[in-house]
Amino acid sequence: MSRELRFNRIVVYPAYFDANLTRKEGRRVPLHLAVPSPSLEHIFSTCKTLGLNPELEPDKTYPRCINAKGRIIIDKRGSKLKTLYLVANELRRTYRRGP
């Protein structure tokens, strides 16, 4: 990733939004915004809906858990945390309906 893109994009792993994980295990959003076992595809479609130009990298692993495959690179809107909350809100809203 080029230096210019590095400051305008962030890496997102499904564990960031997983309600089954603790903060220590890698969840980045509050429990009330998290969803149980979010799929990479659902997060990708949510980011696409939000216009965050998602790039899917299914072969990459989450450093905290080498069994967790896949990550998405998205455009940053404000800070990384604000962007994660934006995605989490939309994930939570669409969770019951499915992707």
PDB file of N, CA and C in Angstrom:
ATOM      1  N   MET A   1       0.852  -1.167   0.000  1.00  0.00           N
ATOM      2  CA  MET A   1       0.000   0.000   0.000  1.00  0.00           C
ATOM      3  C   MET A   1       0.903   1.236   0.000  1.00  0.00           C
ATOM      4  N   SER A   2       0.634   2.182  -0.893  1.00  0.00           N
ATOM      5  CA  SER A   2       1.475   3.370  -0.974  1.00  0.00           C
ATOM      6  C   SER A   2       1.281   4.258   0.252  1.00  0.00           C
ATOM      7  N   ARG A   3       2.246   5.116   0.485  1.00  0.00           N
ATOM      8  CA  ARG A   3       2.201   5.985   1.661  1.00  0.00           C
ATOM      9  C   ARG A   3       0.973   6.891   1.648  1.00  0.00           C
ATOM     10  N   GLU A   4       0.631   7.408   0.471  1.00  0.00           N
ATOM     11  CA  GLU A   4      -0.523   8.292   0.345  1.00  0.00           C
ATOM     12  C   GLU A   4      -1.813   7.570   0.734  1.00  0.00           C
ATOM     13  N   LEU A   5      -1.969   6.347   0.258  1.00  0.00           N
ATOM     14  CA  LEU A   5      -3.168   5.574   0.573  1.00  0.00           C
ATOM     15  C   LEU A   5      -3.189   5.127   2.029  1.00  0.00           C
ATOM     16  N   ARG A   6      -2.035   4.913   2.614  1.00  0.00           N
ATOM     17  CA  ARG A   6      -1.957   4.417   3.987  1.00  0.00           C
ATOM     18  C   ARG A   6      -2.648   5.351   4.978  1.00  0.00           C
ATOM     19  N   PHE A   7      -2.613   6.655   4.729  1.00  0.00           N
ATOM     20  CA  PHE A   7      -3.208   7.607   5.657  1.00  0.00           C
ATOM     21  C   PHE A   7      -4.699   7.819   5.406  1.00  0.00           C
ATOM     22  N   ASN A   8      -5.193   7.396   4.261  1.00  0.00           N
ATOM     23  CA  ASN A   8      -6.598   7.602   3.924  1.00  0.00           C
ATOM     24  C   ASN A   8      -7.418   6.326   3.968  1.00  0.00           C
ATOM     25  N   ARG A   9      -6.782   5.200   4.252  1.00  0.00           N
ATOM     26  CA  ARG A   9      -7.483   3.913   4.274  1.00  0.00           C
ATOM     27  C   ARG A   9      -7.128   3.162   5.554  1.00  0.00           C
ATOM     28  N   ILE A  10      -8.010   2.265   5.959  1.00  0.00           N
ATOM     29  CA  ILE A  10      -7.760   1.461   7.150  1.00  0.00           C
ATOM     30  C   ILE A  10      -8.040  -0.006   6.857  1.00  0.00           C
ATOM     31  N   VAL A  11      -7.445  -0.866   7.657  1.00  0.00           N
ATOM     32  CA  VAL A  11      -7.655  -2.308   7.549  1.00  0.00           C
ATOM     33  C   VAL A  11      -8.692  -2.710   8.588  1.00  0.00           C
ATOM     34  N   VAL A  12      -9.664  -3.511   8.158  1.00  0.00           N
ATOM     35  CA  VAL A  12     -10.747  -3.953   9.036  1.00  0.00           C
ATOM     36  C   VAL A  12     -10.801  -5.477   9.024  1.00  0.00           C
ATOM     37  N   TYR A  13     -10.823  -6.065  10.205  1.00  0.00           N
ATOM     38  CA  TYR A  13     -10.963  -7.510  10.355  1.00  0.00           C
ATOM     39  C   TYR A  13     -12.337  -7.812  10.946  1.00  0.00           C
ATOM     40  N   PRO A  14     -12.956  -8.941  10.595  1.00  0.00           N
ATOM     41  CA  PRO A  14     -14.264  -9.306  11.159  1.00  0.00           C
ATOM     42  C   PRO A  14     -14.269  -9.348  12.690  1.00  0.00           C
ATOM     43  N   ALA A  15     -13.149  -9.674  13.300  1.00  0.00           N
ATOM     44  CA  ALA A  15     -13.069  -9.740  14.766  1.00  0.00           C
ATOM     45  C   ALA A  15     -13.391  -8.395  15.416  1.00  0.00           C
ATOM     46  N   TYR A  16     -13.166  -7.291  14.710  1.00  0.00           N
ATOM     47  CA  TYR A  16     -13.451  -5.965  15.259  1.00  0.00           C
ATOM     48  C   TYR A  16     -14.921  -5.808  15.632  1.00  0.00           C
ATOM     49  N   PHE A  17     -15.808  -6.548  14.963  1.00  0.00           N
ATOM     50  CA  PHE A  17     -17.251  -6.393  15.140  1.00  0.00           C
ATOM     51  C   PHE A  17     -17.906  -7.615  15.791  1.00  0.00           C
ATOM     52  N   ASP A  18     -17.126  -8.590  16.228  1.00  0.00           N
ATOM     53  CA  ASP A  18     -17.647  -9.868  16.723  1.00  0.00           C
ATOM     54  C   ASP A  18     -18.067  -9.780  18.190  1.00  0.00           C
ATOM     55  N   ALA A  19     -19.366  -9.952  18.449  1.00  0.00           N
ATOM     56  CA  ALA A  19     -19.908  -9.883  19.806  1.00  0.00           C
ATOM     57  C   ALA A  19     -19.455 -11.056  20.669  1.00  0.00           C
ATOM     58  N   ASN A  20     -18.973 -12.115  20.057  1.00  0.00           N
ATOM     59  CA  ASN A  20     -18.511 -13.285  20.812  1.00  0.00           C
ATOM     60  C   ASN A  20     -17.105 -13.095  21.383  1.00  0.00           C
ATOM     61  N   LEU A  21     -16.433 -12.025  20.996  1.00  0.00           N
ATOM     62  CA  LEU A  21     -15.073 -11.759  21.465  1.00  0.00           C
ATOM     63  C   LEU A  21     -15.069 -10.638  22.496  1.00  0.00           C
ATOM     64  N   THR A  22     -14.074 -10.656  23.366  1.00  0.00           N
ATOM     65  CA  THR A  22     -13.888  -9.557  24.307  1.00  0.00           C
ATOM     66  C   THR A  22     -13.009  -8.496  23.643  1.00  0.00           C
ATOM     67  N   ARG A  23     -12.889  -7.364  24.291  1.00  0.00           N
ATOM     68  CA  ARG A  23     -11.992  -6.326  23.776  1.00  0.00           C
ATOM     69  C   ARG A  23     -10.554  -6.846  23.748  1.00  0.00           C
ATOM     70  N   LYS A  24     -10.197  -7.614  24.755  1.00  0.00           N
ATOM     71  CA  LYS A  24      -8.843  -8.167  24.833  1.00  0.00           C
ATOM     72  C   LYS A  24      -8.569  -9.137  23.687  1.00  0.00           C
ATOM     73  N   GLU A  25      -9.606  -9.815  23.224  1.00  0.00           N
ATOM     74  CA  GLU A  25      -9.457 -10.773  22.130  1.00  0.00           C
ATOM     75  C   GLU A  25      -9.497 -10.115  20.753  1.00  0.00           C
ATOM     76  N   GLY A  26      -9.797  -8.804  20.713  1.00  0.00           N
ATOM     77  CA  GLY A  26      -9.706  -8.101  19.443  1.00  0.00           C
ATOM     78  C   GLY A  26     -10.923  -7.323  18.987  1.00  0.00           C
ATOM     79  N   ARG A  27     -12.032  -7.373  19.751  1.00  0.00           N
ATOM     80  CA  ARG A  27     -13.204  -6.586  19.347  1.00  0.00           C
ATOM     81  C   ARG A  27     -12.885  -5.111  19.540  1.00  0.00           C
ATOM     82  N   ARG A  28     -13.248  -4.266  18.574  1.00  0.00           N
ATOM     83  CA  ARG A  28     -12.915  -2.842  18.635  1.00  0.00           C
ATOM     84  C   ARG A  28     -14.119  -1.943  18.902  1.00  0.00           C
ATOM     85  N   VAL A  29     -15.327  -2.475  18.749  1.00  0.00           N
ATOM     86  CA  VAL A  29     -16.532  -1.664  18.945  1.00  0.00           C
ATOM     87  C   VAL A  29     -17.240  -2.115  20.218  1.00  0.00           C
ATOM     88  N   PRO A  30     -18.069  -1.244  20.818  1.00  0.00           N
ATOM     89  CA  PRO A  30     -18.806  -1.641  22.023  1.00  0.00           C
ATOM     90  C   PRO A  30     -19.737  -2.822  21.743  1.00  0.00           C
ATOM     91  N   LEU A  31     -20.051  -3.558  22.773  1.00  0.00           N
ATOM     92  CA  LEU A  31     -20.873  -4.753  22.638  1.00  0.00           C
ATOM     93  C   LEU A  31     -22.248  -4.446  22.042  1.00  0.00           C
ATOM     94  N   HIS A  32     -22.805  -3.275  22.354  1.00  0.00           N
ATOM     95  CA  HIS A  32     -24.139  -2.945  21.820  1.00  0.00           C
ATOM     96  C   HIS A  32     -24.117  -2.682  20.309  1.00  0.00           C
ATOM     97  N   LEU A  33     -22.938  -2.492  19.726  1.00  0.00           N
ATOM     98  CA  LEU A  33     -22.822  -2.311  18.275  1.00  0.00           C
ATOM     99  C   LEU A  33     -22.306  -3.564  17.573  1.00  0.00           C
ATOM    100  N   ALA A  34     -21.810  -4.520  18.337  1.00  0.00           N
ATOM    101  CA  ALA A  34     -21.230  -5.736  17.762  1.00  0.00           C
ATOM    102  C   ALA A  34     -22.321  -6.731  17.366  1.00  0.00           C
ATOM    103  N   VAL A  35     -21.981  -7.616  16.439  1.00  0.00           N
ATOM    104  CA  VAL A  35     -22.897  -8.680  16.003  1.00  0.00           C
ATOM    105  C   VAL A  35     -22.188 -10.021  16.183  1.00  0.00           C
ATOM    106  N   PRO A  36     -22.948 -11.087  16.444  1.00  0.00           N
ATOM    107  CA  PRO A  36     -22.298 -12.383  16.632  1.00  0.00           C
ATOM    108  C   PRO A  36     -21.749 -12.953  15.325  1.00  0.00           C
ATOM    109  N   SER A  37     -20.495 -13.307  15.320  1.00  0.00           N
ATOM    110  CA  SER A  37     -19.814 -13.954  14.185  1.00  0.00           C
ATOM    111  C   SER A  37     -20.108 -13.313  12.826  1.00  0.00           C
ATOM    112  N   PRO A  38     -19.720 -12.049  12.624  1.00  0.00           N
ATOM    113  CA  PRO A  38     -19.981 -11.417  11.329  1.00  0.00           C
ATOM    114  C   PRO A  38     -19.139 -12.053  10.224  1.00  0.00           C
ATOM    115  N   SER A  39     -19.736 -12.210   9.063  1.00  0.00           N
ATOM    116  CA  SER A  39     -18.997 -12.800   7.942  1.00  0.00           C
ATOM    117  C   SER A  39     -18.239 -11.712   7.186  1.00  0.00           C
ATOM    118  N   LEU A  40     -17.187 -12.108   6.540  1.00  0.00           N
ATOM    119  CA  LEU A  40     -16.379 -11.191   5.740  1.00  0.00           C
ATOM    120  C   LEU A  40     -17.226 -10.586   4.619  1.00  0.00           C
ATOM    121  N   GLU A  41     -18.077 -11.404   4.022  1.00  0.00           N
ATOM    122  CA  GLU A  41     -18.930 -10.952   2.919  1.00  0.00           C
ATOM    123  C   GLU A  41     -19.957  -9.920   3.390  1.00  0.00           C
ATOM    124  N   HIS A  42     -20.522 -10.127   4.585  1.00  0.00           N
ATOM    125  CA  HIS A  42     -21.502  -9.176   5.118  1.00  0.00           C
ATOM    126  C   HIS A  42     -20.839  -7.828   5.407  1.00  0.00           C
ATOM    127  N   ILE A  43     -19.650  -7.855   5.978  1.00  0.00           N
ATOM    128  CA  ILE A  43     -18.921  -6.616   6.247  1.00  0.00           C
ATOM    129  C   ILE A  43     -18.553  -5.932   4.934  1.00  0.00           C
ATOM    130  N   PHE A  44     -18.124  -6.714   3.948  1.00  0.00           N
ATOM    131  CA  PHE A  44     -17.769  -6.164   2.639  1.00  0.00           C
ATOM    132  C   PHE A  44     -18.970  -5.467   1.999  1.00  0.00           C
ATOM    133  N   SER A  45     -20.138  -6.126   2.015  1.00  0.00           N
ATOM    134  CA  SER A  45     -21.326  -5.522   1.398  1.00  0.00           C
ATOM    135  C   SER A  45     -21.782  -4.287   2.172  1.00  0.00           C
ATOM    136  N   THR A  46     -21.614  -4.291   3.487  1.00  0.00           N
ATOM    137  CA  THR A  46     -21.959  -3.123   4.295  1.00  0.00           C
ATOM    138  C   THR A  46     -21.052  -1.947   3.945  1.00  0.00           C
ATOM    139  N   CYS A  47     -19.766  -2.203   3.817  1.00  0.00           N
ATOM    140  CA  CYS A  47     -18.811  -1.145   3.451  1.00  0.00           C
ATOM    141  C   CYS A  47     -19.095  -0.613   2.053  1.00  0.00           C
ATOM    142  N   LYS A  48     -19.501  -1.503   1.160  1.00  0.00           N
ATOM    143  CA  LYS A  48     -19.853  -1.095  -0.201  1.00  0.00           C
ATOM    144  C   LYS A  48     -21.084  -0.187  -0.179  1.00  0.00           C
ATOM    145  N   THR A  49     -22.080  -0.556   0.634  1.00  0.00           N
ATOM    146  CA  THR A  49     -23.293   0.249   0.789  1.00  0.00           C
ATOM    147  C   THR A  49     -22.966   1.644   1.318  1.00  0.00           C
ATOM    148  N   LEU A  50     -22.005   1.718   2.230  1.00  0.00           N
ATOM    149  CA  LEU A  50     -21.611   2.999   2.822  1.00  0.00           C
ATOM    150  C   LEU A  50     -20.685   3.815   1.918  1.00  0.00           C
ATOM    151  N   GLY A  51     -20.279   3.251   0.781  1.00  0.00           N
ATOM    152  CA  GLY A  51     -19.415   3.962  -0.157  1.00  0.00           C
ATOM    153  C   GLY A  51     -17.981   4.095   0.318  1.00  0.00           C
ATOM    154  N   LEU A  52     -17.472   3.084   1.005  1.00  0.00           N
ATOM    155  CA  LEU A  52     -16.119   3.138   1.557  1.00  0.00           C
ATOM    156  C   LEU A  52     -15.067   2.467   0.676  1.00  0.00           C
ATOM    157  N   ASN A  53     -15.406   2.169  -0.586  1.00  0.00           N
ATOM    158  CA  ASN A  53     -14.480   1.534  -1.536  1.00  0.00           C
ATOM    159  C   ASN A  53     -13.751   0.332  -0.936  1.00  0.00           C
ATOM    160  N   PRO A  54     -14.477  -0.700  -0.533  1.00  0.00           N
ATOM    161  CA  PRO A  54     -13.813  -1.839   0.112  1.00  0.00           C
ATOM    162  C   PRO A  54     -12.987  -2.678  -0.852  1.00  0.00           C
ATOM    163  N   GLU A  55     -11.871  -3.176  -0.353  1.00  0.00           N
ATOM    164  CA  GLU A  55     -10.994  -4.109  -1.073  1.00  0.00           C
ATOM    165  C   GLU A  55     -10.907  -5.366  -0.230  1.00  0.00           C
ATOM    166  N   LEU A  56     -11.362  -6.479  -0.754  1.00  0.00           N
ATOM    167  CA  LEU A  56     -11.380  -7.740  -0.023  1.00  0.00           C
ATOM    168  C   LEU A  56     -10.045  -8.466  -0.172  1.00  0.00           C
ATOM    169  N   GLU A  57      -9.497  -8.918   0.934  1.00  0.00           N
ATOM    170  CA  GLU A  57      -8.270  -9.722   0.940  1.00  0.00           C
ATOM    171  C   GLU A  57      -8.540 -10.981   1.762  1.00  0.00           C
ATOM    172  N   PRO A  58      -9.158 -12.000   1.139  1.00  0.00           N
ATOM    173  CA  PRO A  58      -9.592 -13.189   1.890  1.00  0.00           C
ATOM    174  C   PRO A  58      -8.465 -14.081   2.402  1.00  0.00           C
ATOM    175  N   ASP A  59      -7.267 -13.946   1.859  1.00  0.00           N
ATOM    176  CA  ASP A  59      -6.168 -14.827   2.266  1.00  0.00           C
ATOM    177  C   ASP A  59      -5.348 -14.294   3.441  1.00  0.00           C
ATOM    178  N   LYS A  60      -5.611 -13.079   3.883  1.00  0.00           N
ATOM    179  CA  LYS A  60      -4.859 -12.487   4.992  1.00  0.00           C
ATOM    180  C   LYS A  60      -5.423 -12.973   6.328  1.00  0.00           C
ATOM    181  N   THR A  61      -4.572 -13.015   7.360  1.00  0.00           N
ATOM    182  CA  THR A  61      -5.022 -13.464   8.675  1.00  0.00           C
ATOM    183  C   THR A  61      -4.963 -12.329   9.687  1.00  0.00           C
ATOM    184  N   TYR A  62      -5.802 -12.457  10.713  1.00  0.00           N
ATOM    185  CA  TYR A  62      -5.822 -11.494  11.804  1.00  0.00           C
ATOM    186  C   TYR A  62      -4.667 -11.826  12.745  1.00  0.00           C
ATOM    187  N   PRO A  63      -3.777 -10.884  13.044  1.00  0.00           N
ATOM    188  CA  PRO A  63      -2.596 -11.180  13.853  1.00  0.00           C
ATOM    189  C   PRO A  63      -2.885 -11.792  15.227  1.00  0.00           C
ATOM    190  N   ARG A  64      -4.005 -11.444  15.837  1.00  0.00           N
ATOM    191  CA  ARG A  64      -4.314 -11.989  17.163  1.00  0.00           C
ATOM    192  C   ARG A  64      -4.837 -13.415  17.112  1.00  0.00           C
ATOM    193  N   CYS A  65      -5.347 -13.815  15.965  1.00  0.00           N
ATOM    194  CA  CYS A  65      -5.886 -15.170  15.828  1.00  0.00           C
ATOM    195  C   CYS A  65      -5.583 -15.652  14.415  1.00  0.00           C
ATOM    196  N   ILE A  66      -4.604 -16.503  14.274  1.00  0.00           N
ATOM    197  CA  ILE A  66      -4.175 -16.914  12.936  1.00  0.00           C
ATOM    198  C   ILE A  66      -5.201 -17.779  12.214  1.00  0.00           C
ATOM    199  N   ASN A  67      -6.206 -18.269  12.933  1.00  0.00           N
ATOM    200  CA  ASN A  67      -7.265 -19.063  12.298  1.00  0.00           C
ATOM    201  C   ASN A  67      -8.307 -18.189  11.614  1.00  0.00           C
ATOM    202  N   ALA A  68      -8.383 -16.919  11.998  1.00  0.00           N
ATOM    203  CA  ALA A  68      -9.366 -16.000  11.420  1.00  0.00           C
ATOM    204  C   ALA A  68      -8.838 -15.475  10.089  1.00  0.00           C
ATOM    205  N   LYS A  69      -9.465 -15.869   9.009  1.00  0.00           N
ATOM    206  CA  LYS A  69      -9.018 -15.483   7.665  1.00  0.00           C
ATOM    207  C   LYS A  69      -9.811 -14.294   7.145  1.00  0.00           C
ATOM    208  N   GLY A  70      -9.122 -13.437   6.401  1.00  0.00           N
ATOM    209  CA  GLY A  70      -9.750 -12.355   5.663  1.00  0.00           C
ATOM    210  C   GLY A  70      -9.682 -11.006   6.342  1.00  0.00           C
ATOM    211  N   ARG A  71      -9.551  -9.986   5.496  1.00  0.00           N
ATOM    212  CA  ARG A  71      -9.594  -8.606   5.953  1.00  0.00           C
ATOM    213  C   ARG A  71     -10.097  -7.742   4.812  1.00  0.00           C
ATOM    214  N   ILE A  72     -10.504  -6.527   5.152  1.00  0.00           N
ATOM    215  CA  ILE A  72     -11.022  -5.584   4.169  1.00  0.00           C
ATOM    216  C   ILE A  72     -10.298  -4.261   4.373  1.00  0.00           C
ATOM    217  N   ILE A  73      -9.880  -3.647   3.288  1.00  0.00           N
ATOM    218  CA  ILE A  73      -9.267  -2.323   3.344  1.00  0.00           C
ATOM    219  C   ILE A  73     -10.315  -1.333   2.843  1.00  0.00           C
ATOM    220  N   ILE A  74     -10.593  -0.313   3.662  1.00  0.00           N
ATOM    221  CA  ILE A  74     -11.646   0.654   3.322  1.00  0.00           C
ATOM    222  C   ILE A  74     -11.131   2.085   3.463  1.00  0.00           C
ATOM    223  N   ASP A  75     -11.873   3.020   2.857  1.00  0.00           N
ATOM    224  CA  ASP A  75     -11.572   4.439   3.015  1.00  0.00           C
ATOM    225  C   ASP A  75     -11.879   4.860   4.442  1.00  0.00           C
ATOM    226  N   LYS A  76     -11.063   5.756   4.971  1.00  0.00           N
ATOM    227  CA  LYS A  76     -11.262   6.247   6.330  1.00  0.00           C
ATOM    228  C   LYS A  76     -12.128   7.497   6.294  1.00  0.00           C
ATOM    229  N   ARG A  77     -13.124   7.558   7.148  1.00  0.00           N
ATOM    230  CA  ARG A  77     -13.982   8.740   7.302  1.00  0.00           C
ATOM    231  C   ARG A  77     -13.756   9.296   8.696  1.00  0.00           C
ATOM    232  N   GLY A  78     -12.965  10.338   8.818  1.00  0.00           N
ATOM    233  CA  GLY A  78     -12.605  10.852  10.135  1.00  0.00           C
ATOM    234  C   GLY A  78     -11.531   9.962  10.736  1.00  0.00           C
ATOM    235  N   SER A  79     -11.672   9.645  12.008  1.00  0.00           N
ATOM    236  CA  SER A  79     -10.701   8.765  12.660  1.00  0.00           C
ATOM    237  C   SER A  79     -11.037   7.304  12.377  1.00  0.00           C
ATOM    238  N   LYS A  80     -10.111   6.421  12.698  1.00  0.00           N
ATOM    239  CA  LYS A  80     -10.348   4.989  12.492  1.00  0.00           C
ATOM    240  C   LYS A  80     -11.529   4.529  13.343  1.00  0.00           C
ATOM    241  N   LEU A  81     -11.596   4.988  14.582  1.00  0.00           N
ATOM    242  CA  LEU A  81     -12.676   4.582  15.473  1.00  0.00           C
ATOM    243  C   LEU A  81     -14.036   5.056  14.965  1.00  0.00           C
ATOM    244  N   LYS A  82     -14.107   6.283  14.460  1.00  0.00           N
ATOM    245  CA  LYS A  82     -15.377   6.791  13.912  1.00  0.00           C
ATOM    246  C   LYS A  82     -15.806   5.972  12.699  1.00  0.00           C
ATOM    247  N   THR A  83     -14.847   5.590  11.881  1.00  0.00           N
ATOM    248  CA  THR A  83     -15.151   4.766  10.712  1.00  0.00           C
ATOM    249  C   THR A  83     -15.653   3.395  11.146  1.00  0.00           C
ATOM    250  N   LEU A  84     -15.015   2.801  12.151  1.00  0.00           N
ATOM    251  CA  LEU A  84     -15.461   1.502  12.658  1.00  0.00           C
ATOM    252  C   LEU A  84     -16.867   1.587  13.241  1.00  0.00           C
ATOM    253  N   TYR A  85     -17.177   2.674  13.948  1.00  0.00           N
ATOM    254  CA  TYR A  85     -18.522   2.853  14.504  1.00  0.00           C
ATOM    255  C   TYR A  85     -19.551   2.996  13.383  1.00  0.00           C
ATOM    256  N   LEU A  86     -19.185   3.700  12.325  1.00  0.00           N
ATOM    257  CA  LEU A  86     -20.075   3.862  11.175  1.00  0.00           C
ATOM    258  C   LEU A  86     -20.408   2.503  10.567  1.00  0.00           C
ATOM    259  N   VAL A  87     -19.397   1.683  10.358  1.00  0.00           N
ATOM    260  CA  VAL A  87     -19.598   0.342   9.804  1.00  0.00           C
ATOM    261  C   VAL A  87     -20.395  -0.516  10.783  1.00  0.00           C
ATOM    262  N   ALA A  88     -20.071  -0.444  12.073  1.00  0.00           N
ATOM    263  CA  ALA A  88     -20.758  -1.252  13.087  1.00  0.00           C
ATOM    264  C   ALA A  88     -22.240  -0.901  13.174  1.00  0.00           C
ATOM    265  N   ASN A  89     -22.567   0.382  13.104  1.00  0.00           N
ATOM    266  CA  ASN A  89     -23.979   0.797  13.138  1.00  0.00           C
ATOM    267  C   ASN A  89     -24.751   0.195  11.977  1.00  0.00           C
ATOM    268  N   GLU A  90     -24.171   0.251  10.794  1.00  0.00           N
ATOM    269  CA  GLU A  90     -24.838  -0.298   9.610  1.00  0.00           C
ATOM    270  C   GLU A  90     -24.904  -1.824   9.681  1.00  0.00           C
ATOM    271  N   LEU A  91     -23.855  -2.460  10.161  1.00  0.00           N
ATOM    272  CA  LEU A  91     -23.861  -3.921  10.330  1.00  0.00           C
ATOM    273  C   LEU A  91     -24.978  -4.338  11.281  1.00  0.00           C
ATOM    274  N   ARG A  92     -25.080  -3.642  12.388  1.00  0.00           N
ATOM    275  CA  ARG A  92     -26.104  -3.941  13.401  1.00  0.00           C
ATOM    276  C   ARG A  92     -27.498  -3.765  12.812  1.00  0.00           C
ATOM    277  N   ARG A  93     -27.670  -2.698  12.027  1.00  0.00           N
ATOM    278  CA  ARG A  93     -28.972  -2.406  11.425  1.00  0.00           C
ATOM    279  C   ARG A  93     -29.381  -3.482  10.424  1.00  0.00           C
ATOM    280  N   THR A  94     -28.420  -3.987   9.655  1.00  0.00           N
ATOM    281  CA  THR A  94     -28.733  -4.964   8.612  1.00  0.00           C
ATOM    282  C   THR A  94     -28.537  -6.405   9.061  1.00  0.00           C
ATOM    283  N   TYR A  95     -28.081  -6.614  10.280  1.00  0.00           N
ATOM    284  CA  TYR A  95     -27.749  -7.968  10.740  1.00  0.00           C
ATOM    285  C   TYR A  95     -28.938  -8.924  10.668  1.00  0.00           C
ATOM    286  N   ARG A  96     -30.084  -8.515  11.121  1.00  0.00           N
ATOM    287  CA  ARG A  96     -31.251  -9.384  11.146  1.00  0.00           C
ATOM    288  C   ARG A  96     -31.758  -9.718   9.744  1.00  0.00           C
ATOM    289  N   ARG A  97     -31.553  -8.798   8.811  1.00  0.00           N
ATOM    290  CA  ARG A  97     -32.000  -9.026   7.434  1.00  0.00           C
ATOM    291  C   ARG A  97     -31.032  -9.896   6.657  1.00  0.00           C
ATOM    292  N   GLY A  98     -29.762  -9.884   7.043  1.00  0.00           N
ATOM    293  CA  GLY A  98     -28.730 -10.586   6.279  1.00  0.00           C
ATOM    294  C   GLY A  98     -28.148  -9.648   5.246  1.00  0.00           C
ATOM    295  N   PRO A  99     -27.045 -10.038   4.581  1.00  0.00           N
ATOM    296  CA  PRO A  99     -26.365  -9.141   3.630  1.00  0.00           C
ATOM    297  C   PRO A  99     -27.171  -8.831   2.397  1.00  0.00           C
TER     298      PRO A  99
END
